[in-house]
N, C-alpha and C. Protein backbone atom coordinates (compact mmCIF):
# COMPACT_ATOMS: atom_id res chain seq x y z
N MET A 1 -14.05 -56.70 -143.67
CA MET A 1 -12.98 -55.74 -143.88
C MET A 1 -13.50 -54.35 -143.53
N LYS A 2 -12.63 -53.54 -142.98
CA LYS A 2 -12.97 -52.16 -142.63
C LYS A 2 -12.12 -51.19 -143.45
N ALA A 3 -12.57 -49.94 -143.50
CA ALA A 3 -11.84 -48.91 -144.22
C ALA A 3 -12.04 -47.57 -143.52
N ILE A 4 -11.16 -46.63 -143.83
CA ILE A 4 -11.22 -45.27 -143.31
C ILE A 4 -11.56 -44.34 -144.47
N VAL A 5 -12.57 -43.49 -144.28
CA VAL A 5 -12.97 -42.50 -145.28
C VAL A 5 -12.65 -41.12 -144.72
N ASN A 6 -11.90 -40.32 -145.47
CA ASN A 6 -11.58 -38.94 -145.08
C ASN A 6 -12.25 -37.98 -146.05
N VAL A 7 -12.89 -36.94 -145.50
CA VAL A 7 -13.55 -35.92 -146.31
C VAL A 7 -13.07 -34.56 -145.83
N VAL A 8 -12.56 -33.73 -146.74
CA VAL A 8 -12.03 -32.42 -146.38
C VAL A 8 -12.40 -31.42 -147.47
N GLY A 9 -12.75 -30.21 -147.04
CA GLY A 9 -13.03 -29.14 -148.00
C GLY A 9 -13.80 -28.00 -147.36
N ARG A 10 -14.18 -27.03 -148.17
CA ARG A 10 -14.97 -25.90 -147.68
C ARG A 10 -16.32 -26.40 -147.20
N ASP A 11 -16.74 -25.87 -146.06
CA ASP A 11 -18.02 -26.27 -145.49
C ASP A 11 -19.18 -25.85 -146.40
N ARG A 12 -20.19 -26.70 -146.48
CA ARG A 12 -21.40 -26.41 -147.24
C ARG A 12 -22.50 -27.33 -146.74
N LEU A 13 -23.71 -27.06 -147.12
CA LEU A 13 -24.83 -27.91 -146.74
C LEU A 13 -24.77 -29.26 -147.45
N GLY A 14 -25.16 -30.31 -146.75
CA GLY A 14 -25.36 -31.61 -147.38
C GLY A 14 -24.17 -32.52 -147.52
N ILE A 15 -23.03 -32.18 -146.95
CA ILE A 15 -21.83 -33.01 -147.12
C ILE A 15 -22.06 -34.42 -146.56
N ILE A 16 -22.49 -34.49 -145.31
CA ILE A 16 -22.68 -35.79 -144.67
C ILE A 16 -23.76 -36.58 -145.41
N ALA A 17 -24.83 -35.91 -145.82
CA ALA A 17 -25.91 -36.58 -146.55
C ALA A 17 -25.41 -37.18 -147.87
N GLU A 18 -24.60 -36.44 -148.61
CA GLU A 18 -24.10 -36.92 -149.90
C GLU A 18 -23.17 -38.12 -149.72
N VAL A 19 -22.22 -38.00 -148.81
CA VAL A 19 -21.24 -39.08 -148.61
C VAL A 19 -21.91 -40.32 -148.04
N SER A 20 -22.74 -40.14 -147.01
CA SER A 20 -23.41 -41.31 -146.43
C SER A 20 -24.39 -41.93 -147.42
N GLY A 21 -24.95 -41.14 -148.32
CA GLY A 21 -25.83 -41.67 -149.36
C GLY A 21 -25.10 -42.63 -150.29
N VAL A 22 -23.87 -42.28 -150.67
CA VAL A 22 -23.06 -43.18 -151.50
C VAL A 22 -22.79 -44.47 -150.75
N LEU A 23 -22.42 -44.36 -149.48
CA LEU A 23 -22.14 -45.55 -148.68
C LEU A 23 -23.38 -46.42 -148.55
N TYR A 24 -24.53 -45.80 -148.33
CA TYR A 24 -25.80 -46.53 -148.22
C TYR A 24 -26.10 -47.30 -149.51
N GLN A 25 -25.93 -46.64 -150.64
CA GLN A 25 -26.21 -47.28 -151.93
C GLN A 25 -25.33 -48.51 -152.15
N LYS A 26 -24.12 -48.49 -151.61
CA LYS A 26 -23.18 -49.61 -151.77
C LYS A 26 -23.27 -50.61 -150.61
N ARG A 27 -24.21 -50.39 -149.69
CA ARG A 27 -24.41 -51.24 -148.50
C ARG A 27 -23.16 -51.27 -147.61
N VAL A 28 -22.56 -50.12 -147.42
CA VAL A 28 -21.41 -49.96 -146.54
C VAL A 28 -21.91 -49.36 -145.23
N ASN A 29 -21.60 -50.02 -144.11
CA ASN A 29 -22.08 -49.58 -142.81
C ASN A 29 -21.08 -48.62 -142.15
N ILE A 30 -21.57 -47.50 -141.64
CA ILE A 30 -20.73 -46.54 -140.92
C ILE A 30 -20.65 -46.99 -139.46
N LEU A 31 -19.45 -47.33 -139.00
CA LEU A 31 -19.24 -47.79 -137.63
C LEU A 31 -18.97 -46.64 -136.68
N ASP A 32 -18.23 -45.65 -137.14
CA ASP A 32 -17.88 -44.50 -136.30
C ASP A 32 -17.63 -43.32 -137.21
N LEU A 33 -17.85 -42.13 -136.67
CA LEU A 33 -17.71 -40.91 -137.47
C LEU A 33 -17.27 -39.78 -136.55
N SER A 34 -16.32 -38.99 -137.01
CA SER A 34 -15.90 -37.79 -136.30
C SER A 34 -15.82 -36.67 -137.32
N GLN A 35 -16.46 -35.55 -137.00
CA GLN A 35 -16.40 -34.42 -137.93
C GLN A 35 -16.27 -33.13 -137.15
N THR A 36 -15.63 -32.17 -137.78
CA THR A 36 -15.48 -30.86 -137.17
C THR A 36 -15.38 -29.81 -138.26
N ILE A 37 -15.65 -28.58 -137.88
CA ILE A 37 -15.49 -27.46 -138.80
C ILE A 37 -14.44 -26.54 -138.20
N MET A 38 -13.37 -26.30 -138.97
CA MET A 38 -12.30 -25.40 -138.55
C MET A 38 -12.37 -24.18 -139.44
N GLU A 39 -12.85 -23.08 -138.86
CA GLU A 39 -13.15 -21.87 -139.62
C GLU A 39 -14.13 -22.23 -140.73
N ASP A 40 -13.76 -22.11 -141.98
CA ASP A 40 -14.68 -22.43 -143.08
C ASP A 40 -14.45 -23.83 -143.66
N TYR A 41 -13.63 -24.64 -143.01
CA TYR A 41 -13.27 -25.94 -143.56
C TYR A 41 -13.89 -27.08 -142.76
N PHE A 42 -14.48 -27.99 -143.50
CA PHE A 42 -15.13 -29.18 -142.95
C PHE A 42 -14.16 -30.34 -143.02
N THR A 43 -14.04 -31.11 -141.94
CA THR A 43 -13.24 -32.33 -141.96
C THR A 43 -14.05 -33.46 -141.33
N MET A 44 -13.97 -34.63 -141.92
CA MET A 44 -14.69 -35.78 -141.38
C MET A 44 -13.86 -37.04 -141.62
N VAL A 45 -13.85 -37.90 -140.61
CA VAL A 45 -13.22 -39.21 -140.71
C VAL A 45 -14.28 -40.24 -140.33
N MET A 46 -14.43 -41.25 -141.17
CA MET A 46 -15.39 -42.33 -140.91
C MET A 46 -14.66 -43.67 -140.88
N LEU A 47 -15.06 -44.52 -139.95
CA LEU A 47 -14.65 -45.92 -139.96
C LEU A 47 -15.85 -46.69 -140.50
N VAL A 48 -15.65 -47.41 -141.59
CA VAL A 48 -16.76 -48.11 -142.24
C VAL A 48 -16.47 -49.61 -142.34
N ASP A 49 -17.55 -50.39 -142.36
CA ASP A 49 -17.48 -51.84 -142.50
C ASP A 49 -17.87 -52.21 -143.92
N LEU A 50 -16.97 -52.89 -144.62
CA LEU A 50 -17.20 -53.28 -146.01
C LEU A 50 -17.71 -54.71 -146.14
N GLY A 51 -18.02 -55.36 -145.03
CA GLY A 51 -18.40 -56.77 -145.03
C GLY A 51 -19.62 -57.11 -145.86
N GLN A 52 -20.59 -56.20 -145.99
CA GLN A 52 -21.81 -56.45 -146.76
C GLN A 52 -21.86 -55.62 -148.04
N MET A 53 -20.73 -55.02 -148.40
CA MET A 53 -20.67 -54.11 -149.54
C MET A 53 -21.10 -54.79 -150.83
N GLU A 54 -21.89 -54.05 -151.61
CA GLU A 54 -22.26 -54.51 -152.95
C GLU A 54 -21.24 -53.95 -153.94
N GLY A 55 -20.69 -54.82 -154.77
CA GLY A 55 -19.69 -54.39 -155.73
C GLY A 55 -18.29 -54.49 -155.15
N SER A 56 -17.34 -54.00 -155.91
CA SER A 56 -15.92 -54.08 -155.53
C SER A 56 -15.47 -52.82 -154.79
N PHE A 57 -14.31 -52.93 -154.15
CA PHE A 57 -13.71 -51.77 -153.50
C PHE A 57 -13.40 -50.70 -154.54
N LYS A 58 -12.95 -51.12 -155.71
CA LYS A 58 -12.65 -50.19 -156.80
C LYS A 58 -13.91 -49.42 -157.21
N SER A 59 -15.04 -50.10 -157.27
CA SER A 59 -16.31 -49.46 -157.61
C SER A 59 -16.72 -48.44 -156.55
N LEU A 60 -16.50 -48.78 -155.28
CA LEU A 60 -16.80 -47.85 -154.19
C LEU A 60 -15.92 -46.61 -154.30
N LYS A 61 -14.62 -46.81 -154.56
CA LYS A 61 -13.71 -45.67 -154.72
C LYS A 61 -14.17 -44.76 -155.85
N GLU A 62 -14.62 -45.35 -156.95
CA GLU A 62 -15.09 -44.57 -158.09
C GLU A 62 -16.35 -43.78 -157.73
N SER A 63 -17.25 -44.39 -156.99
CA SER A 63 -18.48 -43.69 -156.57
C SER A 63 -18.14 -42.53 -155.64
N LEU A 64 -17.19 -42.73 -154.74
CA LEU A 64 -16.77 -41.64 -153.85
C LEU A 64 -16.04 -40.55 -154.61
N ARG A 65 -15.28 -40.92 -155.65
CA ARG A 65 -14.62 -39.92 -156.49
C ARG A 65 -15.66 -39.05 -157.20
N ALA A 66 -16.69 -39.68 -157.72
CA ALA A 66 -17.76 -38.93 -158.39
C ALA A 66 -18.47 -38.02 -157.39
N CYS A 67 -18.69 -38.50 -156.18
CA CYS A 67 -19.30 -37.68 -155.13
C CYS A 67 -18.42 -36.49 -154.80
N SER A 68 -17.11 -36.72 -154.72
CA SER A 68 -16.18 -35.63 -154.38
C SER A 68 -16.24 -34.52 -155.42
N GLU A 69 -16.35 -34.90 -156.69
CA GLU A 69 -16.47 -33.89 -157.75
C GLU A 69 -17.80 -33.15 -157.65
N LYS A 70 -18.85 -33.87 -157.34
CA LYS A 70 -20.19 -33.28 -157.24
C LYS A 70 -20.25 -32.23 -156.13
N ILE A 71 -19.65 -32.54 -154.97
CA ILE A 71 -19.76 -31.63 -153.82
C ILE A 71 -18.53 -30.74 -153.63
N GLY A 72 -17.51 -30.91 -154.47
CA GLY A 72 -16.33 -30.06 -154.39
C GLY A 72 -15.48 -30.30 -153.15
N MET A 73 -15.37 -31.55 -152.74
CA MET A 73 -14.60 -31.91 -151.56
C MET A 73 -13.55 -32.95 -151.95
N SER A 74 -12.54 -33.11 -151.10
CA SER A 74 -11.58 -34.20 -151.25
C SER A 74 -12.10 -35.38 -150.43
N ILE A 75 -12.30 -36.53 -151.08
CA ILE A 75 -12.75 -37.74 -150.39
C ILE A 75 -11.76 -38.85 -150.71
N ARG A 76 -11.25 -39.48 -149.65
CA ARG A 76 -10.31 -40.59 -149.83
C ARG A 76 -10.77 -41.76 -148.98
N ILE A 77 -10.60 -42.95 -149.50
CA ILE A 77 -10.90 -44.16 -148.74
C ILE A 77 -9.68 -45.07 -148.79
N GLN A 78 -9.32 -45.63 -147.63
CA GLN A 78 -8.18 -46.54 -147.55
C GLN A 78 -8.58 -47.73 -146.68
N GLU A 79 -8.13 -48.90 -147.08
CA GLU A 79 -8.40 -50.09 -146.29
C GLU A 79 -7.71 -49.98 -144.94
N GLU A 80 -8.38 -50.48 -143.90
CA GLU A 80 -7.85 -50.43 -142.54
C GLU A 80 -6.49 -51.13 -142.43
N SER A 81 -6.26 -52.14 -143.24
CA SER A 81 -5.01 -52.91 -143.17
C SER A 81 -3.79 -52.02 -143.38
N ILE A 82 -3.92 -50.96 -144.17
CA ILE A 82 -2.81 -50.03 -144.40
C ILE A 82 -2.39 -49.38 -143.08
N PHE A 83 -3.38 -48.97 -142.27
CA PHE A 83 -3.08 -48.31 -141.01
C PHE A 83 -2.48 -49.30 -140.01
N LYS A 84 -2.97 -50.53 -140.02
CA LYS A 84 -2.41 -51.54 -139.12
C LYS A 84 -0.96 -51.85 -139.49
N ALA A 85 -0.67 -51.94 -140.78
CA ALA A 85 0.69 -52.26 -141.24
C ALA A 85 1.68 -51.17 -140.86
N MET A 86 1.22 -49.92 -140.77
CA MET A 86 2.12 -48.81 -140.42
C MET A 86 2.61 -48.93 -138.99
N HIS A 87 1.92 -49.72 -138.16
CA HIS A 87 2.29 -49.83 -136.75
C HIS A 87 2.93 -51.18 -136.43
N GLN A 88 3.38 -51.87 -137.46
CA GLN A 88 4.05 -53.15 -137.25
C GLN A 88 5.52 -53.04 -137.65
N VAL A 89 6.34 -53.81 -136.97
CA VAL A 89 7.77 -53.84 -137.25
C VAL A 89 8.15 -55.29 -137.54
N ASN A 90 8.95 -55.50 -138.56
CA ASN A 90 9.44 -56.84 -138.87
C ASN A 90 10.85 -56.95 -138.30
N PHE A 91 11.03 -57.90 -137.39
CA PHE A 91 12.31 -58.09 -136.73
C PHE A 91 12.72 -59.55 -136.86
N GLY A 92 13.76 -59.80 -137.64
CA GLY A 92 14.25 -61.16 -137.82
C GLY A 92 13.21 -62.10 -138.42
N GLY A 93 12.38 -61.58 -139.33
CA GLY A 93 11.36 -62.40 -139.97
C GLY A 93 10.08 -62.53 -139.17
N GLU A 94 10.04 -61.92 -137.99
CA GLU A 94 8.85 -61.98 -137.14
C GLU A 94 8.20 -60.59 -137.10
N THR A 95 6.88 -60.55 -137.26
CA THR A 95 6.16 -59.28 -137.22
C THR A 95 5.77 -58.96 -135.79
N LEU A 96 6.15 -57.77 -135.34
CA LEU A 96 5.84 -57.31 -133.99
C LEU A 96 4.85 -56.16 -134.07
N ASP A 97 3.84 -56.17 -133.22
CA ASP A 97 2.86 -55.06 -133.16
C ASP A 97 3.32 -53.99 -132.20
């Protein structure tokens, strides 16, 4: 299973280190990452693989919530299936991509 992690907030030192550290501790692999700084604001989107994750998805969300409080950033994680479902249409009982 894959998930999308979004990180947004005021730029500061150590953001990537803190977030990737949480993922490392939970054995979550980072597949792709895009980050940018817009004026004083840091934004990052990660595609992660949860296939070898230790613990539950709920536990990972809680660890990221604790990290967000520690670094003063907004961190959200959503399962990839949510994004796939947004691009599907059900027509006459049949799902179309």
